[in-house]
């Protein structure tokens, strides 16, 4: 039996990392085997590419950026995601193709069709079974509300206009693929958000 492929998407600072950590802890405490990974990353090569992409010192043309993400994705799919799914393990991935479509396709103005073409082979014929989207606008992010400084992630240092385009991009992608999207509005209490995610995945039959 092939495992389920679940991706988690959202803008910067909306609590995505926290929710993934809580989900991982839940799977462990309930003895449900699963693989947790991220993009770009998840393999040695992909993590090296991640360093290049996200470094503050990197100056990268949008087209090159899209190809770097696709290269990292191809290695990640071939060496981490597909082998795990074929063994019947569920895979939870922090960001995937929808981030490329939103960040490079829409916010960088490359176009969704161009980014899909670039990723045609990198996807290895596999798309997510389900995408959890933390639906919070950038200006309302927890990082903004709490006045936290951004990390050294190059993407996080982009302009407000860029991040608003990313959010609008995710909404466009959600509208394009409504059957696989689960939108969760992050609650102030992170445990409440966690419960919403767990219940949604249970309803899908992906977890117990």
N, C-alpha and C. Protein backbone atom coordinates (compact mmCIF):
# COMPACT_ATOMS: atom_id res chain seq x y z
N UNK A 1 0.84 -1.20 0.00
CA UNK A 1 0.00 0.00 0.00
C UNK A 1 0.88 1.25 0.00
N UNK A 2 0.65 2.14 -0.94
CA UNK A 2 1.44 3.37 -1.05
C UNK A 2 1.01 4.36 0.01
N UNK A 3 1.99 5.03 0.62
CA UNK A 3 1.68 6.01 1.65
C UNK A 3 1.06 7.27 1.09
N UNK A 4 0.59 8.13 1.97
CA UNK A 4 -0.01 9.41 1.59
C UNK A 4 1.05 10.51 1.65
N UNK A 5 0.94 11.43 0.71
CA UNK A 5 1.88 12.54 0.60
C UNK A 5 1.14 13.82 0.98
N UNK A 6 1.49 14.38 2.14
CA UNK A 6 0.83 15.57 2.66
C UNK A 6 1.83 16.72 2.71
N UNK A 7 1.48 17.85 2.11
CA UNK A 7 2.35 19.02 2.15
C UNK A 7 1.73 20.09 3.04
N UNK A 8 2.58 20.91 3.63
CA UNK A 8 2.14 22.00 4.51
C UNK A 8 2.67 23.30 3.94
N UNK A 9 1.74 24.22 3.65
CA UNK A 9 2.11 25.48 3.00
C UNK A 9 1.61 26.69 3.80
N UNK A 10 2.18 27.83 3.48
CA UNK A 10 1.76 29.07 4.13
C UNK A 10 2.82 30.14 3.96
N UNK A 11 2.46 31.36 4.27
CA UNK A 11 3.41 32.47 4.17
C UNK A 11 4.39 32.45 5.35
N UNK A 12 5.33 33.38 5.33
CA UNK A 12 6.35 33.44 6.38
C UNK A 12 5.73 33.88 7.71
N UNK A 13 6.18 33.23 8.80
CA UNK A 13 5.79 33.68 10.14
C UNK A 13 4.38 33.37 10.59
N UNK A 14 3.73 32.37 9.94
CA UNK A 14 2.34 32.06 10.31
C UNK A 14 2.25 30.84 11.24
N UNK A 15 3.39 30.34 11.70
CA UNK A 15 3.39 29.21 12.63
C UNK A 15 3.51 27.85 11.99
N UNK A 16 3.95 27.83 10.74
CA UNK A 16 4.05 26.57 10.01
C UNK A 16 5.01 25.59 10.69
N UNK A 17 6.18 26.07 11.05
CA UNK A 17 7.18 25.21 11.69
C UNK A 17 6.68 24.65 13.01
N UNK A 18 5.98 25.48 13.77
CA UNK A 18 5.42 25.04 15.05
C UNK A 18 4.39 23.94 14.84
N UNK A 19 3.52 24.11 13.87
CA UNK A 19 2.48 23.11 13.62
C UNK A 19 3.05 21.81 13.09
N UNK A 20 4.09 21.89 12.31
CA UNK A 20 4.74 20.67 11.82
C UNK A 20 5.37 19.91 12.98
N UNK A 21 6.00 20.65 13.89
CA UNK A 21 6.60 20.02 15.06
C UNK A 21 5.54 19.35 15.93
N UNK A 22 4.41 20.01 16.13
CA UNK A 22 3.33 19.43 16.92
C UNK A 22 2.75 18.19 16.24
N UNK A 23 2.64 18.24 14.93
CA UNK A 23 2.13 17.09 14.18
C UNK A 23 3.09 15.92 14.27
N UNK A 24 4.37 16.20 14.20
CA UNK A 24 5.38 15.16 14.31
C UNK A 24 5.33 14.51 15.70
N UNK A 25 5.17 15.33 16.73
CA UNK A 25 5.07 14.81 18.09
C UNK A 25 3.82 13.95 18.25
N UNK A 26 2.74 14.38 17.63
CA UNK A 26 1.48 13.61 17.69
C UNK A 26 1.66 12.24 17.05
N UNK A 27 2.28 12.21 15.89
CA UNK A 27 2.48 10.94 15.20
C UNK A 27 3.37 10.00 16.01
N UNK A 28 4.35 10.56 16.67
CA UNK A 28 5.26 9.75 17.49
C UNK A 28 4.55 9.19 18.72
N UNK A 29 3.80 10.05 19.42
CA UNK A 29 3.13 9.61 20.65
C UNK A 29 1.99 8.64 20.38
N UNK A 30 1.44 8.66 19.17
CA UNK A 30 0.36 7.73 18.81
C UNK A 30 0.90 6.53 18.02
N UNK A 31 2.22 6.43 17.94
CA UNK A 31 2.89 5.30 17.28
C UNK A 31 2.48 5.12 15.82
N UNK A 32 2.36 6.23 15.13
CA UNK A 32 2.06 6.20 13.70
C UNK A 32 3.33 6.59 12.94
N UNK A 33 3.83 5.64 12.17
CA UNK A 33 5.08 5.87 11.45
C UNK A 33 4.87 6.85 10.31
N UNK A 34 5.76 7.83 10.22
CA UNK A 34 5.67 8.84 9.15
C UNK A 34 7.04 9.47 8.96
N UNK A 35 7.23 10.01 7.78
CA UNK A 35 8.46 10.73 7.45
C UNK A 35 8.14 12.23 7.40
N UNK A 36 8.96 13.02 8.08
CA UNK A 36 8.82 14.47 8.04
C UNK A 36 10.04 15.05 7.34
N UNK A 37 9.80 15.87 6.35
CA UNK A 37 10.90 16.41 5.55
C UNK A 37 10.57 17.83 5.14
N UNK A 38 11.43 18.46 4.34
CA UNK A 38 11.19 19.84 3.96
C UNK A 38 11.77 20.14 2.58
N UNK A 39 11.28 21.25 2.02
CA UNK A 39 11.85 21.74 0.76
C UNK A 39 12.17 23.23 0.87
N UNK A 40 13.27 23.67 0.27
CA UNK A 40 14.29 22.77 -0.28
C UNK A 40 15.01 22.07 0.85
N UNK A 41 15.37 20.83 0.64
CA UNK A 41 16.06 20.05 1.65
C UNK A 41 15.65 18.59 1.59
N UNK A 42 15.89 17.89 2.67
CA UNK A 42 15.48 16.50 2.76
C UNK A 42 16.50 15.48 2.28
N UNK A 43 17.56 15.95 1.61
CA UNK A 43 18.68 15.10 1.22
C UNK A 43 19.94 15.95 1.35
N UNK A 44 21.09 15.32 1.31
CA UNK A 44 22.34 16.07 1.43
C UNK A 44 22.48 17.11 0.32
N UNK A 45 22.22 16.69 -0.92
CA UNK A 45 22.35 17.61 -2.05
C UNK A 45 21.34 18.74 -1.95
N UNK A 46 20.10 18.39 -1.64
CA UNK A 46 19.05 19.40 -1.56
C UNK A 46 19.30 20.41 -0.44
N UNK A 47 19.89 19.94 0.66
CA UNK A 47 20.21 20.86 1.75
C UNK A 47 21.32 21.83 1.33
N UNK A 48 22.25 21.36 0.52
CA UNK A 48 23.29 22.25 0.00
C UNK A 48 22.68 23.32 -0.90
N UNK A 49 21.74 22.89 -1.74
CA UNK A 49 21.07 23.85 -2.63
C UNK A 49 20.27 24.84 -1.79
N UNK A 50 19.66 24.37 -0.70
CA UNK A 50 18.90 25.24 0.20
C UNK A 50 19.78 26.38 0.72
N UNK A 51 21.00 26.03 1.09
CA UNK A 51 21.92 27.04 1.62
C UNK A 51 22.18 28.13 0.59
N UNK A 52 22.34 27.73 -0.66
CA UNK A 52 22.57 28.71 -1.73
C UNK A 52 21.34 29.59 -1.93
N UNK A 53 20.17 28.96 -2.01
CA UNK A 53 18.93 29.70 -2.29
C UNK A 53 18.61 30.71 -1.20
N UNK A 54 18.74 30.30 0.06
CA UNK A 54 18.27 31.13 1.16
C UNK A 54 19.32 32.05 1.75
N UNK A 55 20.56 31.93 1.31
CA UNK A 55 21.62 32.79 1.84
C UNK A 55 21.35 34.26 1.53
N UNK A 56 21.53 35.09 2.53
CA UNK A 56 21.34 36.54 2.34
C UNK A 56 22.29 37.12 1.31
N UNK A 57 23.41 36.47 1.11
CA UNK A 57 24.43 37.00 0.18
C UNK A 57 24.19 36.56 -1.25
N UNK A 58 23.23 35.67 -1.47
CA UNK A 58 22.96 35.18 -2.82
C UNK A 58 22.11 36.18 -3.61
N UNK A 59 22.57 36.49 -4.81
CA UNK A 59 21.79 37.31 -5.73
C UNK A 59 21.42 36.41 -6.90
N UNK A 60 20.15 36.05 -6.99
CA UNK A 60 19.72 35.01 -7.92
C UNK A 60 18.60 35.51 -8.81
N UNK A 61 18.75 35.34 -10.10
CA UNK A 61 17.68 35.69 -11.04
C UNK A 61 16.49 34.76 -10.78
N UNK A 62 15.26 35.27 -10.88
CA UNK A 62 14.08 34.43 -10.63
C UNK A 62 14.05 33.12 -11.41
N UNK A 63 14.50 33.14 -12.65
CA UNK A 63 14.50 31.91 -13.45
C UNK A 63 15.49 30.90 -12.88
N UNK A 64 16.66 31.39 -12.50
CA UNK A 64 17.67 30.51 -11.89
C UNK A 64 17.16 29.98 -10.55
N UNK A 65 16.50 30.84 -9.79
CA UNK A 65 15.93 30.43 -8.51
C UNK A 65 14.94 29.29 -8.70
N UNK A 66 14.10 29.41 -9.71
CA UNK A 66 13.11 28.36 -9.98
C UNK A 66 13.78 27.04 -10.34
N UNK A 67 14.85 27.11 -11.13
CA UNK A 67 15.58 25.89 -11.50
C UNK A 67 16.30 25.28 -10.29
N UNK A 68 16.81 26.11 -9.41
CA UNK A 68 17.47 25.60 -8.20
C UNK A 68 16.47 24.85 -7.33
N UNK A 69 15.29 25.43 -7.14
CA UNK A 69 14.25 24.75 -6.37
C UNK A 69 13.87 23.43 -7.03
N UNK A 70 13.75 23.43 -8.34
CA UNK A 70 13.37 22.22 -9.06
C UNK A 70 14.46 21.14 -8.95
N UNK A 71 15.72 21.57 -9.00
CA UNK A 71 16.82 20.61 -8.86
C UNK A 71 16.81 19.97 -7.48
N UNK A 72 16.61 20.81 -6.47
CA UNK A 72 16.54 20.28 -5.10
C UNK A 72 15.35 19.33 -4.97
N UNK A 73 14.24 19.69 -5.61
CA UNK A 73 13.02 18.86 -5.54
C UNK A 73 13.23 17.51 -6.21
N UNK A 74 13.90 17.49 -7.33
CA UNK A 74 14.13 16.23 -8.03
C UNK A 74 14.93 15.25 -7.16
N UNK A 75 16.00 15.75 -6.53
CA UNK A 75 16.81 14.89 -5.67
C UNK A 75 16.01 14.44 -4.46
N UNK A 76 15.23 15.35 -3.91
CA UNK A 76 14.40 15.05 -2.74
C UNK A 76 13.36 13.99 -3.07
N UNK A 77 12.71 14.12 -4.21
CA UNK A 77 11.70 13.15 -4.60
C UNK A 77 12.30 11.77 -4.83
N UNK A 78 13.41 11.74 -5.56
CA UNK A 78 14.02 10.46 -5.92
C UNK A 78 14.60 9.71 -4.73
N UNK A 79 15.15 10.46 -3.77
CA UNK A 79 15.90 9.82 -2.69
C UNK A 79 15.23 9.81 -1.32
N UNK A 80 14.16 10.59 -1.16
CA UNK A 80 13.48 10.61 0.14
C UNK A 80 11.99 10.34 0.02
N UNK A 81 11.29 11.14 -0.75
CA UNK A 81 9.82 11.08 -0.77
C UNK A 81 9.31 9.79 -1.41
N UNK A 82 9.69 9.53 -2.65
CA UNK A 82 9.16 8.35 -3.35
C UNK A 82 9.51 7.03 -2.66
N UNK A 83 10.77 6.83 -2.21
CA UNK A 83 11.08 5.58 -1.52
C UNK A 83 10.22 5.37 -0.27
N UNK A 84 9.98 6.44 0.48
CA UNK A 84 9.15 6.32 1.69
C UNK A 84 7.71 5.98 1.34
N UNK A 85 7.16 6.65 0.34
CA UNK A 85 5.78 6.38 -0.07
C UNK A 85 5.61 4.95 -0.57
N UNK A 86 6.60 4.47 -1.30
CA UNK A 86 6.53 3.11 -1.84
C UNK A 86 6.60 2.05 -0.74
N UNK A 87 7.18 2.43 0.40
CA UNK A 87 7.23 1.53 1.56
C UNK A 87 5.95 1.62 2.40
N UNK A 88 5.01 2.46 1.94
CA UNK A 88 3.75 2.59 2.65
C UNK A 88 3.75 3.61 3.77
N UNK A 89 4.81 4.42 3.84
CA UNK A 89 4.91 5.43 4.89
C UNK A 89 4.28 6.74 4.43
N UNK A 90 3.58 7.39 5.34
CA UNK A 90 3.06 8.72 5.04
C UNK A 90 4.21 9.72 5.09
N UNK A 91 4.21 10.67 4.18
CA UNK A 91 5.26 11.69 4.12
C UNK A 91 4.62 13.06 4.32
N UNK A 92 5.13 13.81 5.29
CA UNK A 92 4.68 15.17 5.55
C UNK A 92 5.82 16.11 5.17
N UNK A 93 5.55 17.00 4.23
CA UNK A 93 6.61 17.85 3.69
C UNK A 93 6.32 19.34 3.92
N UNK A 94 7.28 20.01 4.53
CA UNK A 94 7.23 21.45 4.76
C UNK A 94 7.57 22.16 3.45
N UNK A 95 6.55 22.61 2.75
CA UNK A 95 6.61 23.26 1.44
C UNK A 95 6.85 22.24 0.32
N UNK A 96 6.27 22.58 -0.85
CA UNK A 96 6.45 21.73 -2.02
C UNK A 96 6.16 22.57 -3.27
N UNK A 97 5.61 21.99 -4.29
CA UNK A 97 5.43 22.67 -5.57
C UNK A 97 4.60 23.94 -5.46
N UNK A 98 3.62 23.98 -4.56
CA UNK A 98 2.78 25.17 -4.45
C UNK A 98 3.58 26.40 -4.02
N UNK A 99 4.62 26.19 -3.24
CA UNK A 99 5.50 27.31 -2.87
C UNK A 99 6.22 27.83 -4.10
N UNK A 100 6.67 26.93 -4.96
CA UNK A 100 7.33 27.36 -6.19
C UNK A 100 6.37 28.14 -7.08
N UNK A 101 5.14 27.66 -7.18
CA UNK A 101 4.15 28.34 -8.00
C UNK A 101 3.83 29.73 -7.45
N UNK A 102 3.75 29.82 -6.12
CA UNK A 102 3.40 31.10 -5.49
C UNK A 102 4.57 32.07 -5.45
N UNK A 103 5.75 31.57 -5.03
CA UNK A 103 6.91 32.45 -4.88
C UNK A 103 7.53 32.82 -6.24
N UNK A 104 7.86 31.81 -7.03
CA UNK A 104 8.52 32.10 -8.31
C UNK A 104 7.51 32.37 -9.43
N UNK A 105 6.46 31.57 -9.48
CA UNK A 105 5.50 31.72 -10.56
C UNK A 105 4.73 33.03 -10.50
N UNK A 106 4.25 33.37 -9.30
CA UNK A 106 3.39 34.55 -9.16
C UNK A 106 4.12 35.76 -8.57
N UNK A 107 4.76 35.58 -7.40
CA UNK A 107 5.42 36.73 -6.78
C UNK A 107 6.63 37.21 -7.57
N UNK A 108 7.35 36.28 -8.22
CA UNK A 108 8.50 36.66 -9.05
C UNK A 108 8.11 36.91 -10.51
N UNK A 109 6.83 36.70 -10.81
CA UNK A 109 6.28 37.00 -12.15
C UNK A 109 6.81 36.11 -13.27
N UNK A 110 7.26 34.91 -12.94
CA UNK A 110 7.69 33.99 -13.99
C UNK A 110 6.49 33.37 -14.71
N UNK A 111 5.40 33.24 -13.98
CA UNK A 111 4.21 32.61 -14.54
C UNK A 111 4.08 31.17 -14.04
N UNK A 112 2.87 30.80 -13.66
CA UNK A 112 2.61 29.45 -13.14
C UNK A 112 2.96 28.39 -14.17
N UNK A 113 2.59 28.60 -15.43
CA UNK A 113 2.85 27.60 -16.47
C UNK A 113 4.35 27.37 -16.67
N UNK A 114 5.14 28.43 -16.57
CA UNK A 114 6.60 28.31 -16.72
C UNK A 114 7.17 27.47 -15.59
N UNK A 115 6.74 27.75 -14.36
CA UNK A 115 7.25 27.00 -13.21
C UNK A 115 6.81 25.54 -13.27
N UNK A 116 5.59 25.30 -13.71
CA UNK A 116 5.13 23.91 -13.86
C UNK A 116 5.96 23.17 -14.90
N UNK A 117 6.30 23.84 -15.97
CA UNK A 117 7.13 23.22 -17.01
C UNK A 117 8.52 22.91 -16.47
N UNK A 118 9.10 23.84 -15.72
CA UNK A 118 10.41 23.62 -15.12
C UNK A 118 10.40 22.41 -14.19
N UNK A 119 9.27 22.22 -13.50
CA UNK A 119 9.15 21.12 -12.52
C UNK A 119 8.55 19.85 -13.10
N UNK A 120 8.33 19.83 -14.40
CA UNK A 120 7.67 18.69 -15.05
C UNK A 120 8.31 17.36 -14.67
N UNK A 121 9.61 17.28 -14.73
CA UNK A 121 10.30 16.03 -14.40
C UNK A 121 10.71 15.96 -12.93
N UNK A 122 10.90 17.11 -12.31
CA UNK A 122 11.31 17.13 -10.89
C UNK A 122 10.24 16.51 -9.99
N UNK A 123 8.98 16.61 -10.39
CA UNK A 123 7.88 16.05 -9.59
C UNK A 123 7.82 14.53 -9.67
N UNK A 124 8.50 13.97 -10.67
CA UNK A 124 8.53 12.50 -10.84
C UNK A 124 7.12 11.92 -10.93
N UNK A 125 6.21 12.69 -11.51
CA UNK A 125 4.85 12.19 -11.70
C UNK A 125 4.01 12.13 -10.44
N UNK A 126 4.48 12.77 -9.36
CA UNK A 126 3.77 12.68 -8.07
C UNK A 126 3.37 14.07 -7.58
N UNK A 127 2.11 14.23 -7.26
CA UNK A 127 1.63 15.46 -6.65
C UNK A 127 1.08 15.13 -5.26
N UNK A 128 0.91 16.13 -4.41
CA UNK A 128 0.41 15.85 -3.05
C UNK A 128 -1.00 15.26 -3.05
N UNK A 129 -1.23 14.37 -2.09
CA UNK A 129 -2.59 13.86 -1.90
C UNK A 129 -3.42 14.91 -1.17
N UNK A 130 -2.74 15.71 -0.37
CA UNK A 130 -3.43 16.69 0.45
C UNK A 130 -2.45 17.82 0.79
N UNK A 131 -2.96 19.05 0.82
CA UNK A 131 -2.14 20.20 1.19
C UNK A 131 -2.82 20.96 2.32
N UNK A 132 -2.12 21.05 3.45
CA UNK A 132 -2.59 21.87 4.57
C UNK A 132 -2.09 23.29 4.34
N UNK A 133 -3.00 24.23 4.19
CA UNK A 133 -2.62 25.63 3.96
C UNK A 133 -2.99 26.46 5.18
N UNK A 134 -1.97 27.03 5.84
CA UNK A 134 -2.22 27.91 6.97
C UNK A 134 -2.56 29.29 6.41
N UNK A 135 -3.84 29.57 6.42
CA UNK A 135 -4.38 30.75 5.74
C UNK A 135 -4.32 31.99 6.63
N UNK A 136 -3.20 32.68 6.53
CA UNK A 136 -3.03 33.93 7.27
C UNK A 136 -2.24 34.91 6.40
N UNK A 137 -2.77 36.12 6.27
CA UNK A 137 -2.10 37.13 5.46
C UNK A 137 -0.78 37.55 6.12
N UNK A 138 0.23 37.91 5.33
CA UNK A 138 1.54 38.28 5.86
C UNK A 138 1.49 39.38 6.92
N UNK A 139 0.65 40.38 6.71
CA UNK A 139 0.60 41.49 7.67
C UNK A 139 0.01 41.08 9.02
N UNK A 140 -0.65 39.92 9.06
CA UNK A 140 -1.22 39.43 10.31
C UNK A 140 -0.40 38.31 10.94
N UNK A 141 0.75 38.01 10.35
CA UNK A 141 1.55 36.88 10.83
C UNK A 141 1.93 37.04 12.29
N UNK A 142 2.16 35.90 12.94
CA UNK A 142 2.55 35.92 14.35
C UNK A 142 3.85 36.68 14.54
N UNK A 143 4.74 36.56 13.57
CA UNK A 143 6.02 37.27 13.68
C UNK A 143 5.79 38.78 13.73
N UNK A 144 4.85 39.26 12.89
CA UNK A 144 4.52 40.69 12.89
C UNK A 144 3.86 41.08 14.21
N UNK A 145 2.91 40.27 14.65
CA UNK A 145 2.16 40.59 15.86
C UNK A 145 3.05 40.62 17.10
N UNK A 146 4.04 39.74 17.12
CA UNK A 146 4.91 39.65 18.29
C UNK A 146 6.17 40.49 18.15
N UNK A 147 6.31 41.15 16.99
CA UNK A 147 7.47 42.02 16.79
C UNK A 147 8.79 41.29 16.72
N UNK A 148 8.76 40.04 16.27
CA UNK A 148 10.00 39.26 16.18
C UNK A 148 10.77 39.64 14.93
N UNK A 149 12.08 39.64 15.04
CA UNK A 149 12.92 39.95 13.89
C UNK A 149 12.97 38.75 12.96
N UNK A 150 13.20 39.00 11.68
CA UNK A 150 13.28 37.92 10.72
C UNK A 150 14.64 37.22 10.83
N UNK A 151 14.70 36.01 10.32
CA UNK A 151 15.95 35.25 10.35
C UNK A 151 16.85 35.71 9.21
N UNK A 152 17.91 34.96 8.97
CA UNK A 152 18.81 35.30 7.86
C UNK A 152 18.36 34.65 6.55
N UNK A 153 17.11 34.19 6.51
CA UNK A 153 16.51 33.61 5.32
C UNK A 153 16.27 34.73 4.30
N UNK A 154 16.85 34.60 3.11
CA UNK A 154 16.72 35.63 2.08
C UNK A 154 15.28 35.92 1.72
N UNK A 155 14.45 34.89 1.69
CA UNK A 155 13.04 35.06 1.32
C UNK A 155 12.30 35.93 2.34
N UNK A 156 12.64 35.76 3.60
CA UNK A 156 11.93 36.51 4.64
C UNK A 156 12.24 38.01 4.58
N UNK A 157 13.34 38.37 3.94
CA UNK A 157 13.73 39.78 3.85
C UNK A 157 13.11 40.49 2.64
N UNK A 158 12.29 39.78 1.89
CA UNK A 158 11.64 40.40 0.74
C UNK A 158 10.62 41.45 1.22
N UNK A 159 10.18 42.29 0.31
CA UNK A 159 9.28 43.40 0.64
C UNK A 159 7.88 42.92 1.03
N UNK A 160 7.13 43.82 1.68
CA UNK A 160 5.74 43.50 2.02
C UNK A 160 4.94 43.21 0.75
N UNK A 161 5.21 43.97 -0.30
CA UNK A 161 4.49 43.76 -1.56
C UNK A 161 4.73 42.35 -2.10
N UNK A 162 5.97 41.90 -1.99
CA UNK A 162 6.31 40.54 -2.45
C UNK A 162 5.54 39.50 -1.66
N UNK A 163 5.54 39.63 -0.34
CA UNK A 163 4.87 38.63 0.50
C UNK A 163 3.35 38.65 0.29
N UNK A 164 2.80 39.81 -0.02
CA UNK A 164 1.37 39.87 -0.33
C UNK A 164 1.08 39.14 -1.64
N UNK A 165 1.99 39.26 -2.60
CA UNK A 165 1.84 38.54 -3.86
C UNK A 165 1.93 37.03 -3.63
N UNK A 166 2.82 36.63 -2.71
CA UNK A 166 2.93 35.20 -2.38
C UNK A 166 1.61 34.69 -1.82
N UNK A 167 1.03 35.45 -0.88
CA UNK A 167 -0.24 35.03 -0.28
C UNK A 167 -1.32 34.92 -1.35
N UNK A 168 -1.42 35.94 -2.20
CA UNK A 168 -2.42 35.90 -3.27
C UNK A 168 -2.15 34.73 -4.23
N UNK A 169 -0.87 34.40 -4.38
CA UNK A 169 -0.52 33.24 -5.19
C UNK A 169 -1.05 31.96 -4.60
N UNK A 170 -0.90 31.79 -3.29
CA UNK A 170 -1.42 30.59 -2.64
C UNK A 170 -2.95 30.50 -2.81
N UNK A 171 -3.62 31.63 -2.72
CA UNK A 171 -5.08 31.63 -2.90
C UNK A 171 -5.44 31.18 -4.32
N UNK A 172 -4.68 31.65 -5.30
CA UNK A 172 -4.92 31.23 -6.69
C UNK A 172 -4.70 29.73 -6.85
N UNK A 173 -3.63 29.23 -6.25
CA UNK A 173 -3.33 27.79 -6.35
C UNK A 173 -4.40 26.98 -5.65
N UNK A 174 -4.84 27.46 -4.48
CA UNK A 174 -5.92 26.77 -3.76
C UNK A 174 -7.18 26.70 -4.61
N UNK A 175 -7.49 27.78 -5.28
CA UNK A 175 -8.68 27.80 -6.13
C UNK A 175 -8.53 26.87 -7.34
N UNK A 176 -7.29 26.68 -7.77
CA UNK A 176 -7.02 25.81 -8.91
C UNK A 176 -7.10 24.34 -8.53
N UNK A 177 -6.71 24.02 -7.27
CA UNK A 177 -6.71 22.63 -6.82
C UNK A 177 -7.53 22.49 -5.53
N UNK A 178 -8.81 22.82 -5.56
CA UNK A 178 -9.63 22.82 -4.33
C UNK A 178 -9.79 21.45 -3.68
N UNK A 179 -9.74 20.40 -4.47
CA UNK A 179 -9.99 19.06 -3.93
C UNK A 179 -8.89 18.59 -2.97
N UNK A 180 -7.67 19.08 -3.17
CA UNK A 180 -6.59 18.61 -2.29
C UNK A 180 -6.23 19.61 -1.19
N UNK A 181 -6.82 20.79 -1.23
CA UNK A 181 -6.49 21.82 -0.24
C UNK A 181 -7.37 21.76 1.00
N UNK A 182 -6.72 21.87 2.17
CA UNK A 182 -7.41 22.04 3.44
C UNK A 182 -6.90 23.35 4.02
N UNK A 183 -7.76 24.35 4.09
CA UNK A 183 -7.36 25.65 4.63
C UNK A 183 -7.64 25.71 6.12
N UNK A 184 -6.61 26.06 6.87
CA UNK A 184 -6.73 26.19 8.32
C UNK A 184 -6.35 27.62 8.70
N UNK A 185 -7.25 28.30 9.37
CA UNK A 185 -6.94 29.65 9.86
C UNK A 185 -6.24 29.51 11.21
N UNK A 186 -4.96 29.91 11.30
CA UNK A 186 -4.20 29.77 12.55
C UNK A 186 -4.86 30.52 13.71
N UNK A 187 -5.02 29.83 14.83
CA UNK A 187 -5.60 30.41 16.03
C UNK A 187 -4.50 30.94 16.94
N UNK A 188 -4.86 31.86 17.81
CA UNK A 188 -3.86 32.42 18.73
C UNK A 188 -3.27 31.34 19.61
N UNK A 189 -4.11 30.39 20.01
CA UNK A 189 -3.64 29.24 20.78
C UNK A 189 -3.16 28.18 19.78
N UNK A 190 -1.86 27.91 19.79
CA UNK A 190 -1.29 26.99 18.81
C UNK A 190 -1.86 25.58 18.92
N UNK A 191 -2.28 25.19 20.14
CA UNK A 191 -2.87 23.86 20.31
C UNK A 191 -4.22 23.76 19.61
N UNK A 192 -4.95 24.86 19.56
CA UNK A 192 -6.23 24.86 18.86
C UNK A 192 -6.02 24.67 17.36
N UNK A 193 -4.98 25.32 16.84
CA UNK A 193 -4.65 25.13 15.42
C UNK A 193 -4.25 23.69 15.17
N UNK A 194 -3.46 23.14 16.07
CA UNK A 194 -3.01 21.75 15.96
C UNK A 194 -4.21 20.79 15.90
N UNK A 195 -5.19 21.01 16.75
CA UNK A 195 -6.37 20.15 16.78
C UNK A 195 -7.14 20.25 15.47
N UNK A 196 -7.23 21.46 14.90
CA UNK A 196 -7.91 21.63 13.62
C UNK A 196 -7.22 20.81 12.53
N UNK A 197 -5.90 20.81 12.54
CA UNK A 197 -5.12 20.05 11.55
C UNK A 197 -5.32 18.55 11.74
N UNK A 198 -5.22 18.10 12.99
CA UNK A 198 -5.39 16.67 13.30
C UNK A 198 -6.78 16.20 12.86
N UNK A 199 -7.79 16.96 13.20
CA UNK A 199 -9.17 16.57 12.85
C UNK A 199 -9.36 16.51 11.34
N UNK A 200 -8.75 17.47 10.62
CA UNK A 200 -8.87 17.48 9.16
C UNK A 200 -8.20 16.26 8.55
N UNK A 201 -7.04 15.89 9.05
CA UNK A 201 -6.32 14.73 8.53
C UNK A 201 -7.02 13.43 8.91
N UNK A 202 -7.62 13.39 10.08
CA UNK A 202 -8.42 12.22 10.48
C UNK A 202 -9.62 12.04 9.56
N UNK A 203 -10.27 13.15 9.25
CA UNK A 203 -11.43 13.10 8.38
C UNK A 203 -11.07 12.56 7.01
N UNK A 204 -9.87 12.87 6.56
CA UNK A 204 -9.37 12.35 5.28
C UNK A 204 -9.02 10.88 5.37
N UNK A 205 -8.84 10.40 6.60
CA UNK A 205 -8.43 9.01 6.79
C UNK A 205 -6.93 8.80 6.67
N UNK A 206 -6.15 9.89 6.74
CA UNK A 206 -4.70 9.80 6.59
C UNK A 206 -3.99 9.47 7.89
N UNK A 207 -4.61 9.82 9.02
CA UNK A 207 -4.03 9.51 10.32
C UNK A 207 -5.12 8.99 11.25
N UNK A 208 -4.70 8.48 12.39
CA UNK A 208 -5.65 7.96 13.38
C UNK A 208 -5.77 8.94 14.53
